Amino acid sequence: KMCPNRQLLQRSAHTVAETCRLSSNVWAKMTARGVLRVVGADAITFLQGLTTNDMKPLGSGPKAVSAAFLNAQGRVILDAILYSADGETIFIDIAAEKAAELASLLKKYKLRAKVKISDASSELGVWVALGPDVGRWWVQETDKNKTPADDGSFIFQDPRHLDLGIRAIAPLASDGPVQSFLKANPAWLEVPETQCDMFRLSLGVAEGPAEFVSGKSMPLEANLDMFSGVSFNKGCYIGQELTARTHFRGQVRKRLVPFILAGSGETVKG
């Protein structure tokens, strides 16, 4: 029987979560993240057959979903967060070092689908904001306008975990509404992106090729199902067979869990 998310992480990582708890509002520009753009009438249908999660909700207005792209053997190629405001333009928030590789893969599967695929990493960046006031800001400042701002920037709640706050995609060339608010608000402290990564890891949420080992990691072993990244009733997609069989048989033999090494302070490699 598979352990529910809360039981697993509270039992195995309570100390980590308490240690990494945020007492203030922080934000960071995530330079390790890239952005792909998929545009066209078939965008949702096209991605539906390539990702672990259901893409249909992206067609019903501003929405974000987490997912992964798998190979035919059911191993993770790359995890992603997908955003859309209108269902025809979908932005894929991924590891920057893998952006060109994923763009090439998507173009390979494009065939006759009415979509255009481009790497927008030189135009758009990803920002993250975390902390106790993120929810209040999300409701008061952004809930009334989740559609893209005049400069094309937009904000979504991280679909993986409520404590991961909000993510924003915005142009790199100018300080638009997102950047201006974060930089001008004294209640929000800019921090290195590694601090946001450490907080994410304390929750047991994997991200990027260093944690989802490309071609080796299985989505359930890396908790993708626990953080809203897998749909088990969406229909067929590449790599589905092994993922579904593992889930329905309840045979997830190992899981990614956070922990703290308390010792002499020596660096642990690997």
Protein backbone atom coordinates (compact mmCIF):
# COMPACT_ATOMS: atom_id res chain seq x y z
CA LYS A 1 0.00 0.00 0.00
CA MET A 2 1.37 3.40 -0.96
CA CYS A 3 1.87 5.89 1.84
CA PRO A 4 -0.12 9.13 1.55
CA ASN A 5 2.03 12.21 1.08
CA ARG A 6 1.40 13.65 4.52
CA GLN A 7 2.10 10.42 6.39
CA LEU A 8 5.33 9.76 4.50
CA LEU A 9 6.84 13.21 4.70
CA GLN A 10 5.71 14.03 8.24
CA ARG A 11 7.12 10.76 9.54
CA SER A 12 10.40 10.91 7.62
CA ALA A 13 11.06 14.63 7.35
CA HIS A 14 9.42 16.45 10.25
CA THR A 15 12.74 17.70 11.59
CA VAL A 16 13.79 18.95 8.16
CA ALA A 17 10.57 20.88 7.63
CA GLU A 18 10.84 22.52 11.05
CA THR A 19 14.48 23.43 10.50
CA CYS A 20 13.80 25.02 7.12
CA ARG A 21 10.57 26.81 8.07
CA LEU A 22 10.41 30.34 6.65
CA SER A 23 9.69 33.15 9.12
CA SER A 24 9.86 35.95 6.54
CA ASN A 25 8.84 36.60 2.95
CA VAL A 26 11.57 35.90 0.40
CA TRP A 27 11.91 35.92 -3.37
CA ALA A 28 14.49 34.93 -5.93
CA LYS A 29 15.16 35.02 -9.64
CA MET A 30 15.56 31.37 -10.62
CA THR A 31 18.44 31.55 -13.08
CA ALA A 32 18.60 27.77 -13.33
CA ARG A 33 15.16 27.67 -14.92
CA GLY A 34 14.32 28.08 -18.61
CA VAL A 35 11.05 28.61 -20.47
CA LEU A 36 9.68 26.91 -23.58
CA ARG A 37 6.66 28.25 -25.45
CA VAL A 38 4.13 26.01 -27.23
CA VAL A 39 1.56 27.94 -29.26
CA GLY A 40 -1.32 26.69 -31.39
CA ALA A 41 -4.81 25.29 -31.54
CA ASP A 42 -3.49 21.76 -30.82
CA ALA A 43 -1.21 22.75 -27.93
CA ILE A 44 -3.18 20.96 -25.21
CA THR A 45 -3.89 17.84 -27.28
CA PHE A 46 -0.24 17.68 -28.34
CA LEU A 47 1.11 17.86 -24.77
CA GLN A 48 -1.59 15.52 -23.46
CA GLY A 49 0.09 12.55 -25.11
CA LEU A 50 3.57 13.46 -23.89
CA THR A 51 3.14 14.30 -20.19
CA THR A 52 2.21 12.44 -17.02
CA ASN A 53 -0.51 14.89 -16.00
CA ASP A 54 -3.85 15.92 -17.50
CA MET A 55 -3.40 19.00 -19.69
CA LYS A 56 -7.10 19.66 -20.22
CA PRO A 57 -7.46 22.01 -17.21
CA LEU A 58 -5.08 24.40 -19.00
CA GLY A 59 -7.87 25.09 -21.49
CA SER A 60 -10.28 26.48 -18.90
CA GLY A 61 -8.54 29.73 -18.09
CA PRO A 62 -5.43 30.67 -16.09
CA LYS A 63 -3.97 27.47 -14.69
CA ALA A 64 -0.70 25.75 -13.82
CA VAL A 65 0.01 22.02 -13.63
CA SER A 66 3.11 20.02 -12.76
CA ALA A 67 4.11 17.04 -14.87
CA ALA A 68 7.02 15.11 -16.34
CA PHE A 69 8.06 13.95 -19.78
CA LEU A 70 8.93 10.24 -19.81
CA ASN A 71 10.76 7.97 -22.21
CA ALA A 72 9.17 4.81 -23.58
CA GLN A 73 10.54 2.81 -20.62
CA GLY A 74 8.67 5.03 -18.14
CA ARG A 75 11.76 6.85 -16.86
CA VAL A 76 11.78 10.61 -16.39
CA ILE A 77 13.36 12.69 -19.12
CA LEU A 78 12.52 15.99 -17.44
CA ASP A 79 10.04 17.41 -14.93
CA ALA A 80 8.17 20.61 -15.71
CA ILE A 81 5.56 23.12 -14.61
CA LEU A 82 3.20 24.15 -17.39
CA TYR A 83 1.27 27.44 -17.38
CA SER A 84 -1.45 28.78 -19.63
CA ALA A 85 -3.83 31.73 -19.53
CA ASP A 86 -5.85 30.89 -22.65
CA GLY A 87 -5.23 27.25 -23.57
CA GLU A 88 -3.47 28.08 -26.84
CA THR A 89 -0.20 29.47 -25.49
CA ILE A 90 1.48 27.19 -22.98
CA PHE A 91 4.69 28.08 -21.17
CA ILE A 92 6.85 25.23 -19.87
CA ASP A 93 9.01 26.06 -16.84
CA ILE A 94 11.96 23.64 -16.92
CA ALA A 95 15.63 23.29 -16.06
CA ALA A 96 17.50 25.76 -18.29
CA GLU A 97 20.26 23.26 -19.07
CA LYS A 98 17.68 20.93 -20.63
CA ALA A 99 15.60 23.51 -22.51
CA ALA A 100 17.17 22.95 -25.92
CA GLU A 101 16.98 19.17 -25.50
CA LEU A 102 13.28 19.25 -24.61
CA ALA A 103 12.50 21.65 -27.45
CA SER A 104 14.17 19.25 -29.87
CA LEU A 105 12.20 16.31 -28.44
CA LEU A 106 8.88 18.14 -28.75
CA LYS A 107 9.62 19.06 -32.36
CA LYS A 108 10.35 15.38 -33.05
CA TYR A 109 6.82 14.46 -31.93
CA LYS A 110 5.10 17.45 -33.53
CA LEU A 111 4.26 15.76 -36.85
CA ARG A 112 1.08 17.46 -38.15
CA ALA A 113 0.00 19.02 -34.87
CA LYS A 114 -0.91 22.69 -35.24
CA VAL A 115 1.66 24.01 -32.79
CA LYS A 116 4.80 26.12 -32.82
CA ILE A 117 7.55 25.24 -30.35
CA SER A 118 10.25 27.71 -29.32
CA ASP A 119 12.82 28.21 -26.59
CA ALA A 120 11.90 31.51 -24.90
CA SER A 121 14.62 31.34 -22.23
CA SER A 122 16.44 34.35 -23.68
CA GLU A 123 13.25 36.43 -23.39
CA LEU A 124 11.50 35.16 -20.27
CA GLY A 125 12.65 34.32 -16.76
CA VAL A 126 11.19 32.60 -13.71
CA TRP A 127 10.75 34.18 -10.27
CA VAL A 128 9.70 32.49 -7.01
CA ALA A 129 8.21 34.07 -3.86
CA LEU A 130 7.85 32.18 -0.57
CA GLY A 131 6.81 33.02 2.97
CA PRO A 132 3.95 33.52 5.42
CA ASP A 133 2.36 36.42 3.50
CA VAL A 134 2.44 34.83 0.04
CA GLY A 135 -1.14 33.57 0.31
CA ARG A 136 -2.45 36.98 1.35
CA TRP A 137 -0.58 38.68 -1.49
CA TRP A 138 -1.86 36.09 -3.96
CA VAL A 139 -5.47 36.84 -2.99
CA GLN A 140 -5.27 40.61 -2.58
CA GLU A 141 -2.87 41.58 -5.35
CA THR A 142 -3.09 38.95 -8.05
CA ASP A 143 -6.36 37.05 -7.80
CA LYS A 144 -8.15 39.92 -9.48
CA ASN A 145 -5.79 39.81 -12.47
CA LYS A 146 -4.27 36.43 -13.27
CA THR A 147 -4.16 37.14 -17.00
CA PRO A 148 -0.85 38.38 -18.42
CA ALA A 149 0.06 41.98 -17.59
CA ASP A 150 0.87 44.52 -20.29
CA ASP A 151 4.48 43.33 -20.41
CA GLY A 152 3.44 39.70 -20.77
CA SER A 153 4.28 38.68 -17.20
CA PHE A 154 1.92 36.54 -15.16
CA ILE A 155 1.76 34.81 -11.80
CA PHE A 156 0.55 31.36 -10.73
CA GLN A 157 0.43 29.46 -7.49
CA ASP A 158 2.95 26.61 -7.52
CA PRO A 159 0.81 23.54 -8.29
CA ARG A 160 3.05 21.11 -6.44
CA HIS A 161 2.65 22.27 -2.83
CA LEU A 162 0.90 25.20 -1.13
CA ASP A 163 4.01 26.04 0.90
CA LEU A 164 5.99 26.58 -2.33
CA GLY A 165 4.18 29.89 -2.77
CA ILE A 166 3.96 31.52 -6.15
CA ARG A 167 5.95 31.45 -9.35
CA ALA A 168 6.06 34.14 -12.02
CA ILE A 169 7.13 34.18 -15.65
CA ALA A 170 8.16 37.63 -16.81
CA PRO A 171 10.29 39.31 -19.49
CA LEU A 172 13.98 39.56 -18.66
CA ALA A 173 14.51 42.85 -20.49
CA SER A 174 12.56 45.12 -18.12
CA ASP A 175 11.31 45.48 -14.57
CA GLY A 176 7.62 44.77 -15.03
CA PRO A 177 4.87 44.53 -12.40
CA VAL A 178 6.26 41.37 -10.82
CA GLN A 179 9.85 42.54 -10.42
CA SER A 180 8.86 46.07 -9.42
CA PHE A 181 6.59 44.88 -6.62
CA LEU A 182 9.13 42.45 -5.18
CA LYS A 183 12.02 44.90 -5.31
CA ALA A 184 10.05 47.86 -3.90
CA ASN A 185 8.35 46.02 -1.04
CA PRO A 186 10.48 46.12 2.14
CA ALA A 187 8.56 43.14 3.53
CA TRP A 188 10.07 40.94 0.82
CA LEU A 189 13.74 39.96 0.99
CA GLU A 190 15.71 38.92 -2.08
CA VAL A 191 17.67 35.72 -1.42
CA PRO A 192 19.89 33.39 -3.47
CA GLU A 193 17.87 30.89 -5.49
CA THR A 194 19.63 28.09 -3.60
CA GLN A 195 17.69 29.11 -0.47
CA CYS A 196 14.41 28.55 -2.30
CA ASP A 197 15.76 25.21 -3.51
CA MET A 198 16.65 24.17 0.02
CA PHE A 199 13.14 24.98 1.24
CA ARG A 200 11.64 23.02 -1.66
CA LEU A 201 13.84 20.03 -0.84
CA SER A 202 12.76 20.17 2.81
CA LEU A 203 9.24 19.39 1.59
CA GLY A 204 10.41 16.38 -0.41
CA VAL A 205 9.70 18.03 -3.78
CA ALA A 206 12.18 17.03 -6.48
CA GLU A 207 13.07 19.31 -9.39
CA GLY A 208 15.50 19.29 -12.29
CA PRO A 209 17.94 16.72 -13.67
CA ALA A 210 20.06 16.58 -10.51
CA GLU A 211 17.08 15.16 -8.59
CA PHE A 212 15.09 13.53 -11.41
CA VAL A 213 18.02 11.64 -12.95
CA SER A 214 17.27 11.69 -16.67
CA GLY A 215 16.59 8.23 -18.07
CA LYS A 216 16.81 6.56 -14.66
CA SER A 217 14.35 8.08 -12.17
CA MET A 218 10.79 6.78 -12.03
CA PRO A 219 8.14 9.44 -11.44
CA LEU A 220 6.56 7.73 -8.42
CA GLU A 221 9.90 7.13 -6.72
CA ALA A 222 10.55 10.87 -6.95
CA ASN A 223 7.11 11.68 -5.42
CA LEU A 224 5.67 13.19 -8.60
CA ASP A 225 2.32 11.56 -7.81
CA MET A 226 2.28 13.01 -4.31
CA PHE A 227 2.71 16.54 -5.59
CA SER A 228 -0.06 16.61 -8.21
CA GLY A 229 2.18 15.66 -11.12
CA VAL A 230 0.54 12.44 -12.34
CA SER A 231 -2.99 11.69 -13.54
CA PHE A 232 -4.02 8.03 -13.44
CA ASN A 233 -7.19 8.48 -15.48
CA LYS A 234 -6.15 10.82 -18.31
CA GLY A 235 -5.55 8.18 -20.96
CA CYS A 236 -2.44 7.16 -22.84
CA TYR A 237 0.89 8.97 -22.86
CA ILE A 238 4.48 7.95 -23.49
CA GLY A 239 5.78 5.91 -20.55
CA GLN A 240 2.34 5.37 -19.04
CA GLU A 241 2.42 1.56 -18.82
CA LEU A 242 5.10 1.21 -16.16
CA THR A 243 3.85 4.23 -14.19
CA ALA A 244 0.26 2.95 -14.08
CA ARG A 245 1.29 -0.64 -13.27
CA THR A 246 3.50 0.51 -10.40
CA HIS A 247 0.69 2.64 -9.00
CA PHE A 248 -2.13 0.12 -9.22
CA ARG A 249 -0.01 -2.71 -7.83
CA GLY A 250 1.19 -0.48 -5.01
CA GLN A 251 4.79 -1.51 -5.59
CA VAL A 252 6.72 1.72 -5.00
CA ARG A 253 9.71 0.23 -3.22
CA LYS A 254 11.60 3.45 -2.58
CA ARG A 255 10.81 7.13 -2.23
CA LEU A 256 12.71 10.40 -2.22
CA VAL A 257 12.66 11.85 1.31
CA PRO A 258 14.53 14.82 2.79
CA PHE A 259 16.87 14.44 5.74
CA ILE A 260 19.56 16.34 7.62
CA LEU A 261 23.06 15.01 8.26
CA ALA A 262 24.27 16.10 11.69
CA GLY A 263 28.01 15.62 12.00
CA SER A 264 31.38 17.28 11.86
CA GLY A 265 30.45 19.62 9.03
CA GLU A 266 32.34 17.70 6.36
CA THR A 267 31.05 17.95 2.81
CA VAL A 268 29.30 14.81 1.57
CA LYS A 269 29.73 14.12 -2.13
CA GLY A 270 27.29 12.24 -4.32
